[in-house]
Amino acid sequence: MSQLGLVSDPNNLAVIQELYNNFGKGDVPAVLAVLDANVVWNEAEGNAWADGNPYKGPEAVLNGVFARVGAEYDYFKTVDLQLHEMSNNQILATLRYQAKLKKNGAMLDAQAAHFWTLKDGKVIAFQQYVDTKQLNDASNK
């Protein structure tokens, strides 16, 4: 299998677990430090934040995604996180977003999945999948 490039780095799971731990603590610099300089980040189609897809590089992710989380939400957390190790240096995370919008006080409890691709301990690609109808409904209350 390793000849096909399908064997994954055994540290990938720990890298992504630590990324979520740091996000949960609000340590955005630590999260950004795990992103490759050329990371390609995509928000889910139908998500308002997909307007910048693909975000290329950590600074684009910071400004296009993380800064918006802070600006638009009183709080935003990931819960019920389960990580699934896959072949070819990929990790699937299933989780929920729990958040409260600043502009209208709407509460969010949305199902989500994140598809991570890593190389040499760094995230090189990210794809978000989320209940975009729930995001849009909360935003438009």
N, C-alpha and C. Protein backbone atom coordinates (compact mmCIF):
# COMPACT_ATOMS: atom_id res chain seq x y z
N MET A 1 0.82 -1.20 0.00
CA MET A 1 0.00 0.00 0.00
C MET A 1 0.85 1.25 0.00
N SER A 2 1.96 1.25 0.71
CA SER A 2 2.74 2.47 0.80
C SER A 2 3.26 2.89 -0.56
N GLN A 3 3.41 1.95 -1.48
CA GLN A 3 3.84 2.31 -2.83
C GLN A 3 2.79 3.16 -3.54
N LEU A 4 1.54 3.05 -3.13
CA LEU A 4 0.47 3.82 -3.74
C LEU A 4 0.26 5.16 -3.03
N GLY A 5 1.00 5.40 -1.96
CA GLY A 5 0.85 6.65 -1.23
C GLY A 5 -0.39 6.68 -0.36
N LEU A 6 -0.92 5.53 0.00
CA LEU A 6 -2.16 5.49 0.76
C LEU A 6 -1.95 5.38 2.26
N VAL A 7 -0.72 5.09 2.69
CA VAL A 7 -0.45 4.97 4.11
C VAL A 7 -0.33 6.37 4.71
N SER A 8 -0.94 6.57 5.85
CA SER A 8 -0.95 7.89 6.48
C SER A 8 0.09 8.00 7.57
N ASP A 9 0.51 9.22 7.83
CA ASP A 9 1.40 9.53 8.93
C ASP A 9 0.64 9.28 10.23
N PRO A 10 1.18 8.48 11.14
CA PRO A 10 0.45 8.17 12.38
C PRO A 10 0.25 9.39 13.29
N ASN A 11 0.94 10.49 13.04
CA ASN A 11 0.78 11.69 13.87
C ASN A 11 -0.37 12.58 13.42
N ASN A 12 -0.96 12.31 12.27
CA ASN A 12 -2.01 13.17 11.74
C ASN A 12 -3.18 13.35 12.71
N LEU A 13 -3.61 12.27 13.31
CA LEU A 13 -4.73 12.33 14.24
C LEU A 13 -4.42 13.28 15.40
N ALA A 14 -3.21 13.16 15.94
CA ALA A 14 -2.80 14.03 17.06
C ALA A 14 -2.72 15.49 16.63
N VAL A 15 -2.26 15.74 15.42
CA VAL A 15 -2.17 17.11 14.90
C VAL A 15 -3.56 17.75 14.85
N ILE A 16 -4.53 17.02 14.31
CA ILE A 16 -5.88 17.57 14.17
C ILE A 16 -6.57 17.68 15.54
N GLN A 17 -6.35 16.71 16.43
CA GLN A 17 -6.92 16.81 17.77
C GLN A 17 -6.39 18.06 18.48
N GLU A 18 -5.10 18.31 18.37
CA GLU A 18 -4.51 19.50 18.99
C GLU A 18 -5.04 20.78 18.35
N LEU A 19 -5.28 20.76 17.04
CA LEU A 19 -5.85 21.92 16.36
C LEU A 19 -7.22 22.26 16.96
N TYR A 20 -8.08 21.26 17.13
CA TYR A 20 -9.40 21.50 17.73
C TYR A 20 -9.28 21.96 19.19
N ASN A 21 -8.33 21.37 19.93
CA ASN A 21 -8.11 21.80 21.32
C ASN A 21 -7.74 23.28 21.36
N ASN A 22 -6.84 23.69 20.47
CA ASN A 22 -6.41 25.09 20.43
C ASN A 22 -7.53 26.01 19.98
N PHE A 23 -8.33 25.58 19.02
CA PHE A 23 -9.48 26.38 18.60
C PHE A 23 -10.43 26.58 19.77
N GLY A 24 -10.67 25.50 20.51
CA GLY A 24 -11.57 25.57 21.66
C GLY A 24 -11.08 26.52 22.74
N LYS A 25 -9.76 26.68 22.87
CA LYS A 25 -9.17 27.60 23.85
C LYS A 25 -9.07 29.02 23.29
N GLY A 26 -9.42 29.18 22.01
CA GLY A 26 -9.29 30.50 21.40
C GLY A 26 -7.87 30.84 20.99
N ASP A 27 -7.01 29.84 20.90
CA ASP A 27 -5.60 30.07 20.54
C ASP A 27 -5.46 30.01 19.02
N VAL A 28 -5.91 31.07 18.36
CA VAL A 28 -5.90 31.12 16.90
C VAL A 28 -4.47 31.05 16.34
N PRO A 29 -3.47 31.72 16.95
CA PRO A 29 -2.11 31.58 16.42
C PRO A 29 -1.62 30.13 16.38
N ALA A 30 -1.99 29.32 17.39
CA ALA A 30 -1.60 27.91 17.40
C ALA A 30 -2.31 27.14 16.30
N VAL A 31 -3.57 27.50 16.02
CA VAL A 31 -4.31 26.85 14.93
C VAL A 31 -3.65 27.21 13.60
N LEU A 32 -3.37 28.47 13.40
CA LEU A 32 -2.75 28.92 12.15
C LEU A 32 -1.38 28.30 11.94
N ALA A 33 -0.66 28.03 13.03
CA ALA A 33 0.69 27.46 12.93
C ALA A 33 0.68 26.06 12.33
N VAL A 34 -0.44 25.38 12.39
CA VAL A 34 -0.55 24.02 11.84
C VAL A 34 -0.91 24.05 10.35
N LEU A 35 -1.30 25.21 9.85
CA LEU A 35 -1.66 25.32 8.44
C LEU A 35 -0.40 25.54 7.60
N ASP A 36 -0.30 24.79 6.53
CA ASP A 36 0.80 24.96 5.58
C ASP A 36 0.71 26.35 4.95
N ALA A 37 1.84 26.90 4.57
CA ALA A 37 1.87 28.24 3.97
C ALA A 37 0.99 28.34 2.73
N ASN A 38 0.77 27.20 2.07
CA ASN A 38 -0.04 27.18 0.84
C ASN A 38 -1.36 26.42 1.02
N VAL A 39 -1.85 26.37 2.26
CA VAL A 39 -3.09 25.64 2.53
C VAL A 39 -4.21 26.15 1.60
N VAL A 40 -5.05 25.22 1.17
CA VAL A 40 -6.24 25.55 0.38
C VAL A 40 -7.44 25.19 1.24
N TRP A 41 -8.20 26.21 1.63
CA TRP A 41 -9.30 26.09 2.60
C TRP A 41 -10.60 26.43 1.91
N ASN A 42 -11.59 25.54 2.01
CA ASN A 42 -12.90 25.76 1.40
C ASN A 42 -14.00 25.63 2.43
N GLU A 43 -14.81 26.68 2.51
CA GLU A 43 -16.03 26.63 3.31
C GLU A 43 -17.11 25.94 2.47
N ALA A 44 -18.12 25.40 3.13
CA ALA A 44 -19.19 24.67 2.44
C ALA A 44 -19.91 25.56 1.44
N GLU A 45 -20.26 24.97 0.31
CA GLU A 45 -21.08 25.69 -0.67
C GLU A 45 -22.39 26.05 0.02
N GLY A 46 -22.87 27.24 -0.19
CA GLY A 46 -24.09 27.69 0.46
C GLY A 46 -23.83 28.42 1.77
N ASN A 47 -22.63 28.31 2.31
CA ASN A 47 -22.23 29.05 3.50
C ASN A 47 -21.84 30.46 3.04
N ALA A 48 -22.31 31.48 3.74
CA ALA A 48 -21.99 32.86 3.35
C ALA A 48 -20.48 33.08 3.26
N TRP A 49 -19.74 32.36 4.06
CA TRP A 49 -18.28 32.54 4.07
C TRP A 49 -17.59 31.85 2.90
N ALA A 50 -18.34 31.15 2.07
CA ALA A 50 -17.76 30.54 0.86
C ALA A 50 -17.44 31.61 -0.18
N ASP A 51 -17.79 32.87 0.12
CA ASP A 51 -17.53 33.95 -0.84
C ASP A 51 -16.04 34.12 -1.13
N GLY A 52 -15.17 33.60 -0.28
CA GLY A 52 -13.73 33.71 -0.50
C GLY A 52 -13.08 32.42 -0.96
N ASN A 53 -13.87 31.38 -1.22
CA ASN A 53 -13.30 30.08 -1.63
C ASN A 53 -12.54 30.18 -2.94
N PRO A 54 -11.45 29.46 -3.03
CA PRO A 54 -10.73 28.87 -1.91
C PRO A 54 -9.86 29.93 -1.23
N TYR A 55 -9.80 29.84 0.09
CA TYR A 55 -8.89 30.69 0.84
C TYR A 55 -7.51 30.04 0.72
N LYS A 56 -6.53 30.81 0.33
CA LYS A 56 -5.18 30.26 0.13
C LYS A 56 -4.21 30.90 1.10
N GLY A 57 -3.65 30.08 1.97
CA GLY A 57 -2.69 30.53 2.95
C GLY A 57 -3.34 30.86 4.28
N PRO A 58 -2.58 30.77 5.37
CA PRO A 58 -3.11 31.02 6.72
C PRO A 58 -3.70 32.42 6.90
N GLU A 59 -3.11 33.45 6.31
CA GLU A 59 -3.63 34.80 6.48
C GLU A 59 -5.02 34.94 5.87
N ALA A 60 -5.24 34.30 4.73
CA ALA A 60 -6.56 34.33 4.10
C ALA A 60 -7.59 33.62 4.98
N VAL A 61 -7.19 32.51 5.60
CA VAL A 61 -8.10 31.79 6.51
C VAL A 61 -8.39 32.65 7.73
N LEU A 62 -7.37 33.29 8.27
CA LEU A 62 -7.55 34.16 9.43
C LEU A 62 -8.55 35.28 9.13
N ASN A 63 -8.33 35.98 8.04
CA ASN A 63 -9.17 37.13 7.70
C ASN A 63 -10.54 36.74 7.17
N GLY A 64 -10.61 35.67 6.38
CA GLY A 64 -11.86 35.30 5.73
C GLY A 64 -12.77 34.40 6.54
N VAL A 65 -12.20 33.70 7.54
CA VAL A 65 -12.99 32.76 8.33
C VAL A 65 -12.93 33.12 9.81
N PHE A 66 -11.76 33.01 10.43
CA PHE A 66 -11.66 33.16 11.88
C PHE A 66 -12.05 34.56 12.36
N ALA A 67 -11.66 35.59 11.63
CA ALA A 67 -12.04 36.96 12.04
C ALA A 67 -13.55 37.13 11.98
N ARG A 68 -14.18 36.47 11.02
CA ARG A 68 -15.64 36.57 10.90
C ARG A 68 -16.34 35.83 12.05
N VAL A 69 -15.75 34.73 12.50
CA VAL A 69 -16.33 34.03 13.65
C VAL A 69 -16.38 34.99 14.83
N GLY A 70 -15.25 35.65 15.10
CA GLY A 70 -15.19 36.58 16.22
C GLY A 70 -16.10 37.78 16.06
N ALA A 71 -16.25 38.25 14.83
CA ALA A 71 -17.07 39.44 14.57
C ALA A 71 -18.57 39.14 14.63
N GLU A 72 -18.97 37.94 14.22
CA GLU A 72 -20.38 37.64 14.04
C GLU A 72 -21.03 36.86 15.19
N TYR A 73 -20.21 36.22 16.04
CA TYR A 73 -20.75 35.35 17.08
C TYR A 73 -20.33 35.79 18.47
N ASP A 74 -21.26 35.72 19.43
CA ASP A 74 -20.92 35.91 20.84
C ASP A 74 -20.02 34.78 21.31
N TYR A 75 -20.35 33.58 20.87
CA TYR A 75 -19.48 32.42 21.09
C TYR A 75 -19.70 31.44 19.96
N PHE A 76 -18.70 30.63 19.71
CA PHE A 76 -18.75 29.63 18.65
C PHE A 76 -17.88 28.47 19.10
N LYS A 77 -18.49 27.31 19.31
CA LYS A 77 -17.69 26.17 19.75
C LYS A 77 -18.05 24.92 18.96
N THR A 78 -17.09 24.02 18.93
CA THR A 78 -17.31 22.73 18.30
C THR A 78 -17.50 21.70 19.41
N VAL A 79 -18.52 20.87 19.25
CA VAL A 79 -18.83 19.84 20.25
C VAL A 79 -19.07 18.51 19.55
N ASP A 80 -19.11 17.45 20.34
CA ASP A 80 -19.35 16.08 19.85
C ASP A 80 -18.35 15.71 18.76
N LEU A 81 -17.12 16.15 18.91
CA LEU A 81 -16.07 15.89 17.92
C LEU A 81 -15.68 14.42 17.90
N GLN A 82 -15.69 13.85 16.71
CA GLN A 82 -15.16 12.51 16.50
C GLN A 82 -14.23 12.58 15.30
N LEU A 83 -13.01 12.07 15.48
CA LEU A 83 -12.02 12.07 14.40
C LEU A 83 -11.92 10.68 13.82
N HIS A 84 -11.87 10.63 12.50
CA HIS A 84 -11.81 9.37 11.77
C HIS A 84 -10.58 9.39 10.87
N GLU A 85 -9.62 8.54 11.20
CA GLU A 85 -8.40 8.49 10.41
C GLU A 85 -8.66 7.76 9.11
N MET A 86 -8.16 8.33 8.03
CA MET A 86 -8.37 7.76 6.71
C MET A 86 -7.01 7.53 6.06
N SER A 87 -7.00 6.89 4.92
CA SER A 87 -5.75 6.70 4.20
C SER A 87 -5.34 7.99 3.51
N ASN A 88 -4.17 8.00 2.94
CA ASN A 88 -3.67 9.11 2.13
C ASN A 88 -3.58 10.42 2.91
N ASN A 89 -3.21 10.32 4.21
CA ASN A 89 -3.00 11.50 5.07
C ASN A 89 -4.23 12.38 5.19
N GLN A 90 -5.38 11.76 5.32
CA GLN A 90 -6.63 12.50 5.45
C GLN A 90 -7.34 12.11 6.74
N ILE A 91 -7.99 13.11 7.34
CA ILE A 91 -8.76 12.92 8.57
C ILE A 91 -10.16 13.50 8.32
N LEU A 92 -11.16 12.74 8.71
CA LEU A 92 -12.54 13.23 8.67
C LEU A 92 -12.96 13.52 10.11
N ALA A 93 -13.45 14.72 10.34
CA ALA A 93 -13.97 15.10 11.66
C ALA A 93 -15.47 15.29 11.53
N THR A 94 -16.23 14.62 12.39
CA THR A 94 -17.66 14.86 12.48
C THR A 94 -17.89 15.57 13.81
N LEU A 95 -18.78 16.57 13.79
CA LEU A 95 -18.94 17.44 14.95
C LEU A 95 -20.22 18.24 14.83
N ARG A 96 -20.45 19.10 15.80
CA ARG A 96 -21.55 20.05 15.77
C ARG A 96 -20.99 21.42 16.10
N TYR A 97 -21.59 22.44 15.52
CA TYR A 97 -21.30 23.82 15.87
C TYR A 97 -22.38 24.28 16.84
N GLN A 98 -21.98 24.83 17.96
CA GLN A 98 -22.92 25.49 18.87
C GLN A 98 -22.45 26.93 18.98
N ALA A 99 -23.37 27.85 18.71
CA ALA A 99 -22.98 29.25 18.63
C ALA A 99 -24.17 30.15 18.88
N LYS A 100 -23.85 31.44 19.15
CA LYS A 100 -24.88 32.45 19.32
C LYS A 100 -24.48 33.67 18.50
N LEU A 101 -25.37 34.03 17.58
CA LEU A 101 -25.13 35.20 16.72
C LEU A 101 -25.27 36.50 17.50
N LYS A 102 -24.35 37.42 17.26
CA LYS A 102 -24.40 38.72 17.92
C LYS A 102 -25.57 39.56 17.43
N LYS A 103 -25.82 39.57 16.12
CA LYS A 103 -26.77 40.53 15.55
C LYS A 103 -28.22 40.30 15.96
N ASN A 104 -28.57 39.05 16.28
CA ASN A 104 -29.98 38.79 16.59
C ASN A 104 -30.18 37.81 17.75
N GLY A 105 -29.09 37.33 18.34
CA GLY A 105 -29.19 36.40 19.46
C GLY A 105 -29.60 35.00 19.09
N ALA A 106 -29.68 34.72 17.78
CA ALA A 106 -30.08 33.38 17.32
C ALA A 106 -29.05 32.34 17.77
N MET A 107 -29.58 31.20 18.20
CA MET A 107 -28.74 30.09 18.63
C MET A 107 -28.56 29.12 17.47
N LEU A 108 -27.41 28.50 17.44
CA LEU A 108 -27.08 27.56 16.38
C LEU A 108 -26.65 26.25 17.01
N ASP A 109 -27.13 25.14 16.47
CA ASP A 109 -26.70 23.80 16.85
C ASP A 109 -26.72 22.98 15.58
N ALA A 110 -25.65 23.11 14.80
CA ALA A 110 -25.63 22.55 13.44
C ALA A 110 -24.65 21.39 13.30
N GLN A 111 -25.10 20.39 12.57
CA GLN A 111 -24.25 19.26 12.22
C GLN A 111 -23.21 19.71 11.21
N ALA A 112 -21.96 19.22 11.37
CA ALA A 112 -20.90 19.60 10.45
C ALA A 112 -19.91 18.45 10.29
N ALA A 113 -19.13 18.53 9.23
CA ALA A 113 -18.02 17.62 9.01
C ALA A 113 -16.88 18.42 8.39
N HIS A 114 -15.67 18.06 8.76
CA HIS A 114 -14.48 18.70 8.21
C HIS A 114 -13.59 17.62 7.61
N PHE A 115 -13.12 17.85 6.41
CA PHE A 115 -12.25 16.91 5.72
C PHE A 115 -10.87 17.55 5.59
N TRP A 116 -9.92 17.01 6.33
CA TRP A 116 -8.57 17.54 6.42
C TRP A 116 -7.59 16.71 5.61
N THR A 117 -6.65 17.35 4.93
CA THR A 117 -5.55 16.66 4.26
C THR A 117 -4.26 17.25 4.79
N LEU A 118 -3.35 16.37 5.19
CA LEU A 118 -2.09 16.80 5.80
C LEU A 118 -0.88 16.31 5.00
N LYS A 119 0.22 17.02 5.19
CA LYS A 119 1.50 16.60 4.63
C LYS A 119 2.58 17.08 5.58
N ASP A 120 3.42 16.16 6.03
CA ASP A 120 4.53 16.48 6.94
C ASP A 120 4.06 17.25 8.17
N GLY A 121 2.92 16.84 8.74
CA GLY A 121 2.43 17.43 9.98
C GLY A 121 1.73 18.77 9.83
N LYS A 122 1.48 19.19 8.60
CA LYS A 122 0.80 20.47 8.34
C LYS A 122 -0.46 20.21 7.51
N VAL A 123 -1.48 21.05 7.75
CA VAL A 123 -2.72 20.97 6.97
C VAL A 123 -2.47 21.62 5.61
N ILE A 124 -2.69 20.85 4.54
CA ILE A 124 -2.53 21.41 3.19
C ILE A 124 -3.88 21.66 2.51
N ALA A 125 -4.96 21.05 3.05
CA ALA A 125 -6.29 21.27 2.47
C ALA A 125 -7.35 21.04 3.54
N PHE A 126 -8.44 21.81 3.42
CA PHE A 126 -9.58 21.71 4.33
C PHE A 126 -10.84 21.90 3.52
N GLN A 127 -11.84 21.06 3.79
CA GLN A 127 -13.17 21.22 3.19
C GLN A 127 -14.20 21.09 4.30
N GLN A 128 -15.03 22.12 4.43
CA GLN A 128 -16.11 22.12 5.41
C GLN A 128 -17.40 21.62 4.75
N TYR A 129 -18.15 20.85 5.50
CA TYR A 129 -19.52 20.46 5.15
C TYR A 129 -20.37 20.82 6.37
N VAL A 130 -21.47 21.53 6.16
CA VAL A 130 -22.29 21.96 7.29
C VAL A 130 -23.73 22.16 6.83
N ASP A 131 -24.63 22.14 7.79
CA ASP A 131 -26.05 22.40 7.53
C ASP A 131 -26.20 23.89 7.22
N THR A 132 -25.98 24.25 5.97
CA THR A 132 -26.00 25.66 5.58
C THR A 132 -27.40 26.27 5.69
N LYS A 133 -28.44 25.48 5.56
CA LYS A 133 -29.79 26.01 5.75
C LYS A 133 -29.95 26.53 7.17
N GLN A 134 -29.45 25.78 8.13
CA GLN A 134 -29.55 26.22 9.53
C GLN A 134 -28.73 27.49 9.75
N LEU A 135 -27.54 27.57 9.15
CA LEU A 135 -26.72 28.78 9.27
C LEU A 135 -27.47 29.99 8.71
N ASN A 136 -28.03 29.83 7.51
CA ASN A 136 -28.75 30.92 6.86
C ASN A 136 -30.02 31.30 7.63
N ASP A 137 -30.76 30.31 8.11
CA ASP A 137 -31.98 30.59 8.88
C ASP A 137 -31.65 31.38 10.15
N ALA A 138 -30.59 31.01 10.84
CA ALA A 138 -30.21 31.72 12.07
C ALA A 138 -29.79 33.15 11.75
N SER A 139 -29.07 33.32 10.67
CA SER A 139 -28.58 34.65 10.28
C SER A 139 -29.73 35.58 9.88
N ASN A 140 -30.81 35.00 9.36
CA ASN A 140 -31.92 35.82 8.84
C ASN A 140 -33.11 35.94 9.81
N LYS A 141 -32.93 35.54 11.07
CA LYS A 141 -34.02 35.63 12.05
C LYS A 141 -34.28 37.08 12.41
